[in-house]
Amino acid sequence: MQFSISKSDDYYVAEAVDFPIVTQAKTFEELISNIKEAVEVYLYDDSAEELGVVKDPSLFINFEIPAYAQ
């Protein structure tokens, strides 16, 4: 599963690219934990096979670092 991460002033926000999964956290480490939990919750009710996902999917995280003017 692929996630795109953005950062606001207070929170990191992760959105799955191909699935309706969104989570947030104040730290990057907490966000990674929240992503794993959100994926488990999403796959709990639905069969992973029905969704075309392996039972324990790998997570690919894309984080864009904003450019700062010097």
PDB file of N, CA and C in Angstrom:
ATOM      1  N   MET A   1       0.851  -1.177   0.000  1.00  0.00           N
ATOM      2  CA  MET A   1       0.000   0.000   0.000  1.00  0.00           C
ATOM      3  C   MET A   1       0.889   1.230   0.000  1.00  0.00           C
ATOM      4  N   GLN A   2       0.467   2.217  -0.725  1.00  0.00           N
ATOM      5  CA  GLN A   2       1.245   3.446  -0.827  1.00  0.00           C
ATOM      6  C   GLN A   2       0.511   4.565  -0.102  1.00  0.00           C
ATOM      7  N   PHE A   3       1.272   5.333   0.686  1.00  0.00           N
ATOM      8  CA  PHE A   3       0.723   6.464   1.418  1.00  0.00           C
ATOM      9  C   PHE A   3       1.464   7.737   1.047  1.00  0.00           C
ATOM     10  N   SER A   4       0.721   8.813   0.980  1.00  0.00           N
ATOM     11  CA  SER A   4       1.285  10.137   0.768  1.00  0.00           C
ATOM     12  C   SER A   4       1.170  10.878   2.094  1.00  0.00           C
ATOM     13  N   ILE A   5       2.264  11.505   2.523  1.00  0.00           N
ATOM     14  CA  ILE A   5       2.277  12.195   3.809  1.00  0.00           C
ATOM     15  C   ILE A   5       2.508  13.680   3.593  1.00  0.00           C
ATOM     16  N   SER A   6       1.720  14.477   4.297  1.00  0.00           N
ATOM     17  CA  SER A   6       1.915  15.927   4.285  1.00  0.00           C
ATOM     18  C   SER A   6       2.005  16.392   5.730  1.00  0.00           C
ATOM     19  N   LYS A   7       2.534  17.585   5.930  1.00  0.00           N
ATOM     20  CA  LYS A   7       2.671  18.121   7.283  1.00  0.00           C
ATOM     21  C   LYS A   7       2.067  19.507   7.332  1.00  0.00           C
ATOM     22  N   SER A   8       1.185  19.699   8.302  1.00  0.00           N
ATOM     23  CA  SER A   8       0.649  21.032   8.562  1.00  0.00           C
ATOM     24  C   SER A   8       1.471  21.608   9.713  1.00  0.00           C
ATOM     25  N   ASP A   9       1.011  22.685  10.296  1.00  0.00           N
ATOM     26  CA  ASP A   9       1.744  23.271  11.415  1.00  0.00           C
ATOM     27  C   ASP A   9       1.827  22.327  12.607  1.00  0.00           C
ATOM     28  N   ASP A  10       0.757  21.569  12.865  1.00  0.00           N
ATOM     29  CA  ASP A  10       0.694  20.743  14.067  1.00  0.00           C
ATOM     30  C   ASP A  10       0.700  19.240  13.828  1.00  0.00           C
ATOM     31  N   TYR A  11       0.316  18.790  12.638  1.00  0.00           N
ATOM     32  CA  TYR A  11       0.125  17.360  12.421  1.00  0.00           C
ATOM     33  C   TYR A  11       0.747  16.875  11.122  1.00  0.00           C
ATOM     34  N   TYR A  12       1.148  15.608  11.144  1.00  0.00           N
ATOM     35  CA  TYR A  12       1.461  14.870   9.931  1.00  0.00           C
ATOM     36  C   TYR A  12       0.172  14.168   9.531  1.00  0.00           C
ATOM     37  N   VAL A  13      -0.136  14.151   8.246  1.00  0.00           N
ATOM     38  CA  VAL A  13      -1.340  13.487   7.751  1.00  0.00           C
ATOM     39  C   VAL A  13      -0.924  12.491   6.674  1.00  0.00           C
ATOM     40  N   ALA A  14      -1.423  11.257   6.802  1.00  0.00           N
ATOM     41  CA  ALA A  14      -1.128  10.212   5.821  1.00  0.00           C
ATOM     42  C   ALA A  14      -2.414   9.803   5.126  1.00  0.00           C
ATOM     43  N   GLU A  15      -2.358   9.743   3.795  1.00  0.00           N
ATOM     44  CA  GLU A  15      -3.506   9.317   2.994  1.00  0.00           C
ATOM     45  C   GLU A  15      -3.062   8.191   2.073  1.00  0.00           C
ATOM     46  N   ALA A  16      -3.802   7.088   2.098  1.00  0.00           N
ATOM     47  CA  ALA A  16      -3.501   5.980   1.190  1.00  0.00           C
ATOM     48  C   ALA A  16      -3.827   6.411  -0.235  1.00  0.00           C
ATOM     49  N   VAL A  17      -3.000   5.995  -1.175  1.00  0.00           N
ATOM     50  CA  VAL A  17      -3.182   6.397  -2.564  1.00  0.00           C
ATOM     51  C   VAL A  17      -4.361   5.675  -3.213  1.00  0.00           C
ATOM     52  N   ASP A  18      -4.506   4.372  -2.971  1.00  0.00           N
ATOM     53  CA  ASP A  18      -5.541   3.594  -3.656  1.00  0.00           C
ATOM     54  C   ASP A  18      -6.649   3.076  -2.749  1.00  0.00           C
ATOM     55  N   PHE A  19      -6.637   3.455  -1.490  1.00  0.00           N
ATOM     56  CA  PHE A  19      -7.627   2.961  -0.536  1.00  0.00           C
ATOM     57  C   PHE A  19      -8.139   4.115   0.321  1.00  0.00           C
ATOM     58  N   PRO A  20      -9.349   4.008   0.844  1.00  0.00           N
ATOM     59  CA  PRO A  20      -9.896   5.093   1.680  1.00  0.00           C
ATOM     60  C   PRO A  20      -9.379   5.015   3.115  1.00  0.00           C
ATOM     61  N   ILE A  21      -8.081   5.267   3.275  1.00  0.00           N
ATOM     62  CA  ILE A  21      -7.448   5.226   4.592  1.00  0.00           C
ATOM     63  C   ILE A  21      -6.753   6.559   4.817  1.00  0.00           C
ATOM     64  N   VAL A  22      -7.081   7.208   5.935  1.00  0.00           N
ATOM     65  CA  VAL A  22      -6.460   8.484   6.311  1.00  0.00           C
ATOM     66  C   VAL A  22      -6.203   8.447   7.811  1.00  0.00           C
ATOM     67  N   THR A  23      -5.044   8.951   8.231  1.00  0.00           N
ATOM     68  CA  THR A  23      -4.741   9.046   9.654  1.00  0.00           C
ATOM     69  C   THR A  23      -3.822  10.235   9.879  1.00  0.00           C
ATOM     70  N   GLN A  24      -3.662  10.621  11.149  1.00  0.00           N
ATOM     71  CA  GLN A  24      -2.809  11.767  11.472  1.00  0.00           C
ATOM     72  C   GLN A  24      -2.120  11.541  12.806  1.00  0.00           C
ATOM     73  N   ALA A  25      -1.069  12.335  13.071  1.00  0.00           N
ATOM     74  CA  ALA A  25      -0.347  12.261  14.333  1.00  0.00           C
ATOM     75  C   ALA A  25       0.517  13.505  14.484  1.00  0.00           C
ATOM     76  N   LYS A  26       0.941  13.753  15.718  1.00  0.00           N
ATOM     77  CA  LYS A  26       1.792  14.917  15.974  1.00  0.00           C
ATOM     78  C   LYS A  26       3.261  14.653  15.661  1.00  0.00           C
ATOM     79  N   THR A  27       3.683  13.376  15.715  1.00  0.00           N
ATOM     80  CA  THR A  27       5.068  13.042  15.384  1.00  0.00           C
ATOM     81  C   THR A  27       5.088  12.049  14.230  1.00  0.00           C
ATOM     82  N   PHE A  28       6.215  12.008  13.527  1.00  0.00           N
ATOM     83  CA  PHE A  28       6.351  11.090  12.403  1.00  0.00           C
ATOM     84  C   PHE A  28       6.317   9.640  12.884  1.00  0.00           C
ATOM     85  N   GLU A  29       6.969   9.360  14.006  1.00  0.00           N
ATOM     86  CA  GLU A  29       6.991   8.006  14.554  1.00  0.00           C
ATOM     87  C   GLU A  29       5.585   7.543  14.922  1.00  0.00           C
ATOM     88  N   GLU A  30       4.812   8.417  15.536  1.00  0.00           N
ATOM     89  CA  GLU A  30       3.432   8.094  15.886  1.00  0.00           C
ATOM     90  C   GLU A  30       2.597   7.884  14.617  1.00  0.00           C
ATOM     91  N   LEU A  31       2.878   8.653  13.585  1.00  0.00           N
ATOM     92  CA  LEU A  31       2.146   8.517  12.329  1.00  0.00           C
ATOM     93  C   LEU A  31       2.368   7.135  11.711  1.00  0.00           C
ATOM     94  N   ILE A  32       3.599   6.657  11.715  1.00  0.00           N
ATOM     95  CA  ILE A  32       3.894   5.332  11.166  1.00  0.00           C
ATOM     96  C   ILE A  32       3.100   4.271  11.921  1.00  0.00           C
ATOM     97  N   SER A  33       3.055   4.378  13.233  1.00  0.00           N
ATOM     98  CA  SER A  33       2.269   3.450  14.047  1.00  0.00           C
ATOM     99  C   SER A  33       0.785   3.548  13.705  1.00  0.00           C
ATOM    100  N   ASN A  34       0.288   4.771  13.536  1.00  0.00           N
ATOM    101  CA  ASN A  34      -1.125   4.980  13.196  1.00  0.00           C
ATOM    102  C   ASN A  34      -1.463   4.427  11.812  1.00  0.00           C
ATOM    103  N   ILE A  35      -0.526   4.533  10.878  1.00  0.00           N
ATOM    104  CA  ILE A  35      -0.748   3.981   9.537  1.00  0.00           C
ATOM    105  C   ILE A  35      -0.928   2.471   9.632  1.00  0.00           C
ATOM    106  N   LYS A  36      -0.031   1.816  10.363  1.00  0.00           N
ATOM    107  CA  LYS A  36      -0.128   0.360  10.517  1.00  0.00           C
ATOM    108  C   LYS A  36      -1.461  -0.030  11.139  1.00  0.00           C
ATOM    109  N   GLU A  37      -1.868   0.695  12.173  1.00  0.00           N
ATOM    110  CA  GLU A  37      -3.144   0.405  12.836  1.00  0.00           C
ATOM    111  C   GLU A  37      -4.323   0.647  11.892  1.00  0.00           C
ATOM    112  N   ALA A  38      -4.280   1.733  11.140  1.00  0.00           N
ATOM    113  CA  ALA A  38      -5.373   2.053  10.217  1.00  0.00           C
ATOM    114  C   ALA A  38      -5.509   0.984   9.136  1.00  0.00           C
ATOM    115  N   VAL A  39      -4.390   0.467   8.651  1.00  0.00           N
ATOM    116  CA  VAL A  39      -4.425  -0.595   7.646  1.00  0.00           C
ATOM    117  C   VAL A  39      -5.040  -1.858   8.243  1.00  0.00           C
ATOM    118  N   GLU A  40      -4.643  -2.200   9.469  1.00  0.00           N
ATOM    119  CA  GLU A  40      -5.213  -3.377  10.133  1.00  0.00           C
ATOM    120  C   GLU A  40      -6.720  -3.232  10.307  1.00  0.00           C
ATOM    121  N   VAL A  41      -7.168  -2.064  10.725  1.00  0.00           N
ATOM    122  CA  VAL A  41      -8.603  -1.823  10.914  1.00  0.00           C
ATOM    123  C   VAL A  41      -9.333  -1.921   9.579  1.00  0.00           C
ATOM    124  N   TYR A  42      -8.761  -1.333   8.541  1.00  0.00           N
ATOM    125  CA  TYR A  42      -9.395  -1.362   7.220  1.00  0.00           C
ATOM    126  C   TYR A  42      -9.530  -2.792   6.701  1.00  0.00           C
ATOM    127  N   LEU A  43      -8.500  -3.590   6.895  1.00  0.00           N
ATOM    128  CA  LEU A  43      -8.518  -4.957   6.381  1.00  0.00           C
ATOM    129  C   LEU A  43      -9.245  -5.925   7.303  1.00  0.00           C
ATOM    130  N   TYR A  44      -9.580  -5.511   8.517  1.00  0.00           N
ATOM    131  CA  TYR A  44     -10.221  -6.409   9.485  1.00  0.00           C
ATOM    132  C   TYR A  44     -11.587  -6.888   9.002  1.00  0.00           C
ATOM    133  N   ASP A  45     -12.439  -5.976   8.587  1.00  0.00           N
ATOM    134  CA  ASP A  45     -13.795  -6.335   8.165  1.00  0.00           C
ATOM    135  C   ASP A  45     -13.844  -6.909   6.756  1.00  0.00           C
ATOM    136  N   ASP A  46     -13.013  -6.411   5.882  1.00  0.00           N
ATOM    137  CA  ASP A  46     -13.011  -6.863   4.488  1.00  0.00           C
ATOM    138  C   ASP A  46     -11.895  -7.883   4.287  1.00  0.00           C
ATOM    139  N   SER A  47     -12.166  -8.857   3.494  1.00  0.00           N
ATOM    140  CA  SER A  47     -11.145  -9.839   3.164  1.00  0.00           C
ATOM    141  C   SER A  47     -10.074  -9.163   2.314  1.00  0.00           C
ATOM    142  N   ALA A  48      -8.832  -9.333   2.706  1.00  0.00           N
ATOM    143  CA  ALA A  48      -7.731  -8.743   1.945  1.00  0.00           C
ATOM    144  C   ALA A  48      -7.733  -9.256   0.511  1.00  0.00           C
ATOM    145  N   GLU A  49      -8.069 -10.523   0.343  1.00  0.00           N
ATOM    146  CA  GLU A  49      -8.099 -11.094  -1.006  1.00  0.00           C
ATOM    147  C   GLU A  49      -9.151 -10.417  -1.876  1.00  0.00           C
ATOM    148  N   GLU A  50     -10.312 -10.098  -1.290  1.00  0.00           N
ATOM    149  CA  GLU A  50     -11.368  -9.422  -2.048  1.00  0.00           C
ATOM    150  C   GLU A  50     -10.915  -8.044  -2.513  1.00  0.00           C
ATOM    151  N   LEU A  51     -10.050  -7.415  -1.724  1.00  0.00           N
ATOM    152  CA  LEU A  51      -9.553  -6.081  -2.059  1.00  0.00           C
ATOM    153  C   LEU A  51      -8.316  -6.135  -2.950  1.00  0.00           C
ATOM    154  N   GLY A  52      -7.821  -7.335  -3.215  1.00  0.00           N
ATOM    155  CA  GLY A  52      -6.627  -7.474  -4.034  1.00  0.00           C
ATOM    156  C   GLY A  52      -5.360  -7.122  -3.286  1.00  0.00           C
ATOM    157  N   VAL A  53      -5.358  -7.356  -1.965  1.00  0.00           N
ATOM    158  CA  VAL A  53      -4.220  -7.015  -1.115  1.00  0.00           C
ATOM    159  C   VAL A  53      -3.740  -8.284  -0.421  1.00  0.00           C
ATOM    160  N   VAL A  54      -2.431  -8.448  -0.297  1.00  0.00           N
ATOM    161  CA  VAL A  54      -1.903  -9.578   0.462  1.00  0.00           C
ATOM    162  C   VAL A  54      -2.243  -9.387   1.929  1.00  0.00           C
ATOM    163  N   LYS A  55      -2.194 -10.465   2.703  1.00  0.00           N
ATOM    164  CA  LYS A  55      -2.625 -10.419   4.104  1.00  0.00           C
ATOM    165  C   LYS A  55      -1.854  -9.379   4.925  1.00  0.00           C
ATOM    166  N   ASP A  56      -0.536  -9.359   4.811  1.00  0.00           N
ATOM    167  CA  ASP A  56       0.292  -8.382   5.524  1.00  0.00           C
ATOM    168  C   ASP A  56       1.026  -7.528   4.494  1.00  0.00           C
ATOM    169  N   PRO A  57       0.361  -6.494   3.957  1.00  0.00           N
ATOM    170  CA  PRO A  57       0.966  -5.723   2.864  1.00  0.00           C
ATOM    171  C   PRO A  57       2.165  -4.901   3.317  1.00  0.00           C
ATOM    172  N   SER A  58       3.084  -4.701   2.403  1.00  0.00           N
ATOM    173  CA  SER A  58       4.186  -3.769   2.641  1.00  0.00           C
ATOM    174  C   SER A  58       3.634  -2.361   2.523  1.00  0.00           C
ATOM    175  N   LEU A  59       4.219  -1.442   3.265  1.00  0.00           N
ATOM    176  CA  LEU A  59       3.788  -0.049   3.207  1.00  0.00           C
ATOM    177  C   LEU A  59       4.867   0.773   2.524  1.00  0.00           C
ATOM    178  N   PHE A  60       4.475   1.551   1.530  1.00  0.00           N
ATOM    179  CA  PHE A  60       5.374   2.457   0.832  1.00  0.00           C
ATOM    180  C   PHE A  60       4.927   3.864   1.181  1.00  0.00           C
ATOM    181  N   ILE A  61       5.831   4.630   1.788  1.00  0.00           N
ATOM    182  CA  ILE A  61       5.461   5.959   2.263  1.00  0.00           C
ATOM    183  C   ILE A  61       6.228   7.009   1.473  1.00  0.00           C
ATOM    184  N   ASN A  62       5.489   7.968   0.923  1.00  0.00           N
ATOM    185  CA  ASN A  62       6.055   9.048   0.138  1.00  0.00           C
ATOM    186  C   ASN A  62       5.888  10.334   0.934  1.00  0.00           C
ATOM    187  N   PHE A  63       6.995  10.958   1.292  1.00  0.00           N
ATOM    188  CA  PHE A  63       6.940  12.173   2.095  1.00  0.00           C
ATOM    189  C   PHE A  63       7.651  13.284   1.346  1.00  0.00           C
ATOM    190  N   GLU A  64       6.919  14.331   1.012  1.00  0.00           N
ATOM    191  CA  GLU A  64       7.499  15.450   0.281  1.00  0.00           C
ATOM    192  C   GLU A  64       7.950  16.517   1.264  1.00  0.00           C
ATOM    193  N   ILE A  65       9.216  16.880   1.177  1.00  0.00           N
ATOM    194  CA  ILE A  65       9.763  17.917   2.046  1.00  0.00           C
ATOM    195  C   ILE A  65       9.636  19.249   1.318  1.00  0.00           C
ATOM    196  N   PRO A  66       8.944  20.212   1.932  1.00  0.00           N
ATOM    197  CA  PRO A  66       8.756  21.502   1.260  1.00  0.00           C
ATOM    198  C   PRO A  66      10.078  22.257   1.114  1.00  0.00           C
ATOM    199  N   ALA A  67      10.222  22.956   0.014  1.00  0.00           N
ATOM    200  CA  ALA A  67      11.414  23.768  -0.223  1.00  0.00           C
ATOM    201  C   ALA A  67      11.294  25.076   0.552  1.00  0.00           C
ATOM    202  N   TYR A  68      12.390  25.502   1.109  1.00  0.00           N
ATOM    203  CA  TYR A  68      12.411  26.758   1.853  1.00  0.00           C
ATOM    204  C   TYR A  68      13.300  27.761   1.134  1.00  0.00           C
ATOM    205  N   ALA A  69      12.852  28.997   1.090  1.00  0.00           N
ATOM    206  CA  ALA A  69      13.648  30.061   0.474  1.00  0.00           C
ATOM    207  C   ALA A  69      14.836  30.373   1.372  1.00  0.00           C
ATOM    208  N   GLN A  70      15.954  30.671   0.758  1.00  0.00           N
ATOM    209  CA  GLN A  70      17.147  30.994   1.554  1.00  0.00           C
ATOM    210  C   GLN A  70      17.412  32.460   1.550  1.00  0.00           C
TER     211      GLN A  70
END
